[in-house]
Amino acid sequence: MTLSKKGSRKIVVGNVEYRWTISATTRGRFVLIVEHGKEKGQRIEVQIQSDINEL
């Protein structure tokens, strides 16, 4: 499954285009997803623990 252009953002690193997005999972946890912008293939997912919304 590839990221759609709607809802993701483009970043260019060394003339290579990637798409990225951040999605919320459980409370206090987010996932950063990055994929190649032109070709289908693998993705990288980074889980981020955050207390930004904790009161």
N, C-alpha and C. Protein backbone atom coordinates (compact mmCIF):
# COMPACT_ATOMS: atom_id res chain seq x y z
N MET A 1 0.84 -1.17 0.00
CA MET A 1 0.00 0.00 0.00
C MET A 1 0.89 1.23 0.00
N THR A 2 0.59 2.18 -0.87
CA THR A 2 1.39 3.39 -0.93
C THR A 2 0.63 4.56 -0.33
N LEU A 3 1.37 5.55 0.09
CA LEU A 3 0.75 6.75 0.63
C LEU A 3 0.15 7.56 -0.51
N SER A 4 -1.03 8.08 -0.31
CA SER A 4 -1.65 8.93 -1.32
C SER A 4 -1.05 10.33 -1.25
N LYS A 5 -1.13 11.05 -2.34
CA LYS A 5 -0.62 12.42 -2.34
C LYS A 5 -1.47 13.30 -1.43
N LYS A 6 -2.77 12.99 -1.38
CA LYS A 6 -3.64 13.71 -0.47
C LYS A 6 -3.43 13.16 0.93
N GLY A 7 -3.07 14.00 1.86
CA GLY A 7 -2.87 13.55 3.23
C GLY A 7 -1.42 13.24 3.57
N SER A 8 -0.53 13.32 2.58
CA SER A 8 0.90 13.12 2.86
C SER A 8 1.67 14.32 2.31
N ARG A 9 2.91 14.41 2.69
CA ARG A 9 3.75 15.52 2.25
C ARG A 9 4.97 14.99 1.52
N LYS A 10 5.52 15.82 0.65
CA LYS A 10 6.69 15.44 -0.13
C LYS A 10 7.96 15.99 0.52
N ILE A 11 9.02 15.21 0.47
CA ILE A 11 10.35 15.65 0.88
C ILE A 11 11.33 15.12 -0.16
N VAL A 12 12.34 15.92 -0.50
CA VAL A 12 13.35 15.51 -1.48
C VAL A 12 14.69 15.43 -0.77
N VAL A 13 15.34 14.27 -0.88
CA VAL A 13 16.65 14.05 -0.27
C VAL A 13 17.59 13.57 -1.37
N GLY A 14 18.60 14.37 -1.70
CA GLY A 14 19.57 13.98 -2.73
C GLY A 14 18.90 13.70 -4.07
N ASN A 15 17.97 14.53 -4.49
CA ASN A 15 17.22 14.38 -5.75
C ASN A 15 16.29 13.18 -5.78
N VAL A 16 16.00 12.57 -4.64
CA VAL A 16 15.07 11.45 -4.56
C VAL A 16 13.84 11.93 -3.79
N GLU A 17 12.67 11.72 -4.37
CA GLU A 17 11.43 12.17 -3.76
C GLU A 17 10.85 11.09 -2.85
N TYR A 18 10.42 11.50 -1.66
CA TYR A 18 9.75 10.62 -0.71
C TYR A 18 8.44 11.27 -0.29
N ARG A 19 7.50 10.46 0.20
CA ARG A 19 6.25 10.95 0.77
C ARG A 19 6.24 10.55 2.25
N TRP A 20 5.71 11.42 3.11
CA TRP A 20 5.67 11.10 4.52
C TRP A 20 4.36 11.59 5.14
N THR A 21 3.99 10.96 6.23
CA THR A 21 2.83 11.37 7.01
C THR A 21 3.02 10.92 8.46
N ILE A 22 2.27 11.54 9.34
CA ILE A 22 2.27 11.12 10.75
C ILE A 22 0.85 10.77 11.10
N SER A 23 0.67 9.62 11.76
CA SER A 23 -0.67 9.21 12.18
C SER A 23 -0.65 8.88 13.66
N ALA A 24 -1.76 9.20 14.31
CA ALA A 24 -1.89 8.89 15.73
C ALA A 24 -2.38 7.47 15.89
N THR A 25 -1.84 6.76 16.86
CA THR A 25 -2.30 5.41 17.15
C THR A 25 -3.00 5.46 18.50
N THR A 26 -2.40 4.90 19.51
CA THR A 26 -2.99 4.95 20.85
C THR A 26 -2.60 6.25 21.52
N ARG A 27 -3.16 6.49 22.66
CA ARG A 27 -2.90 7.73 23.38
C ARG A 27 -1.40 7.90 23.66
N GLY A 28 -0.87 9.04 23.25
CA GLY A 28 0.53 9.34 23.49
C GLY A 28 1.49 8.67 22.54
N ARG A 29 1.01 8.08 21.46
CA ARG A 29 1.89 7.40 20.52
C ARG A 29 1.52 7.81 19.09
N PHE A 30 2.56 8.11 18.29
CA PHE A 30 2.39 8.48 16.90
C PHE A 30 3.26 7.58 16.04
N VAL A 31 2.93 7.49 14.75
CA VAL A 31 3.74 6.73 13.81
C VAL A 31 4.10 7.62 12.64
N LEU A 32 5.40 7.77 12.36
CA LEU A 32 5.90 8.47 11.19
C LEU A 32 6.08 7.43 10.09
N ILE A 33 5.45 7.64 8.93
CA ILE A 33 5.54 6.70 7.82
C ILE A 33 6.19 7.42 6.64
N VAL A 34 7.23 6.79 6.07
CA VAL A 34 7.95 7.37 4.92
C VAL A 34 8.05 6.32 3.83
N GLU A 35 7.76 6.73 2.58
CA GLU A 35 7.86 5.84 1.42
C GLU A 35 8.51 6.56 0.26
N HIS A 36 9.05 5.80 -0.68
CA HIS A 36 9.59 6.36 -1.92
C HIS A 36 8.46 7.06 -2.65
N GLY A 37 8.73 8.21 -3.25
CA GLY A 37 7.69 9.00 -3.87
C GLY A 37 7.21 8.50 -5.21
N LYS A 38 8.01 7.75 -5.94
CA LYS A 38 7.65 7.34 -7.30
C LYS A 38 7.44 5.84 -7.45
N GLU A 39 8.18 5.03 -6.72
CA GLU A 39 8.13 3.58 -6.89
C GLU A 39 7.48 2.91 -5.69
N LYS A 40 6.76 1.83 -5.95
CA LYS A 40 6.20 1.04 -4.86
C LYS A 40 7.31 0.21 -4.24
N GLY A 41 7.20 -0.01 -2.98
CA GLY A 41 8.22 -0.80 -2.30
C GLY A 41 8.04 -0.74 -0.81
N GLN A 42 9.12 -0.82 -0.11
CA GLN A 42 9.06 -0.86 1.34
C GLN A 42 8.82 0.52 1.92
N ARG A 43 8.36 0.50 3.15
CA ARG A 43 8.15 1.74 3.88
C ARG A 43 8.90 1.65 5.19
N ILE A 44 9.16 2.80 5.76
CA ILE A 44 9.74 2.84 7.10
C ILE A 44 8.68 3.44 8.02
N GLU A 45 8.51 2.81 9.16
CA GLU A 45 7.57 3.28 10.17
C GLU A 45 8.32 3.47 11.48
N VAL A 46 8.22 4.67 12.03
CA VAL A 46 8.90 4.99 13.28
C VAL A 46 7.84 5.31 14.33
N GLN A 47 7.82 4.56 15.42
CA GLN A 47 6.87 4.82 16.49
C GLN A 47 7.47 5.84 17.45
N ILE A 48 6.68 6.86 17.76
CA ILE A 48 7.14 7.97 18.60
C ILE A 48 6.26 8.05 19.83
N GLN A 49 6.87 7.97 20.99
CA GLN A 49 6.15 8.12 22.26
C GLN A 49 6.16 9.60 22.61
N SER A 50 5.00 10.15 22.98
CA SER A 50 4.91 11.57 23.29
C SER A 50 3.94 11.80 24.43
N ASP A 51 4.23 12.77 25.24
CA ASP A 51 3.31 13.15 26.30
C ASP A 51 2.71 14.51 26.02
N ILE A 52 2.69 14.92 24.75
CA ILE A 52 2.23 16.26 24.38
C ILE A 52 0.76 16.49 24.73
N ASN A 53 -0.07 15.46 24.68
CA ASN A 53 -1.49 15.63 24.98
C ASN A 53 -1.88 15.13 26.37
N GLU A 54 -0.90 14.79 27.17
CA GLU A 54 -1.16 14.32 28.52
C GLU A 54 -1.39 15.50 29.45
N LEU A 55 -2.39 15.41 30.30
CA LEU A 55 -2.65 16.49 31.28
C LEU A 55 -2.54 15.98 32.68
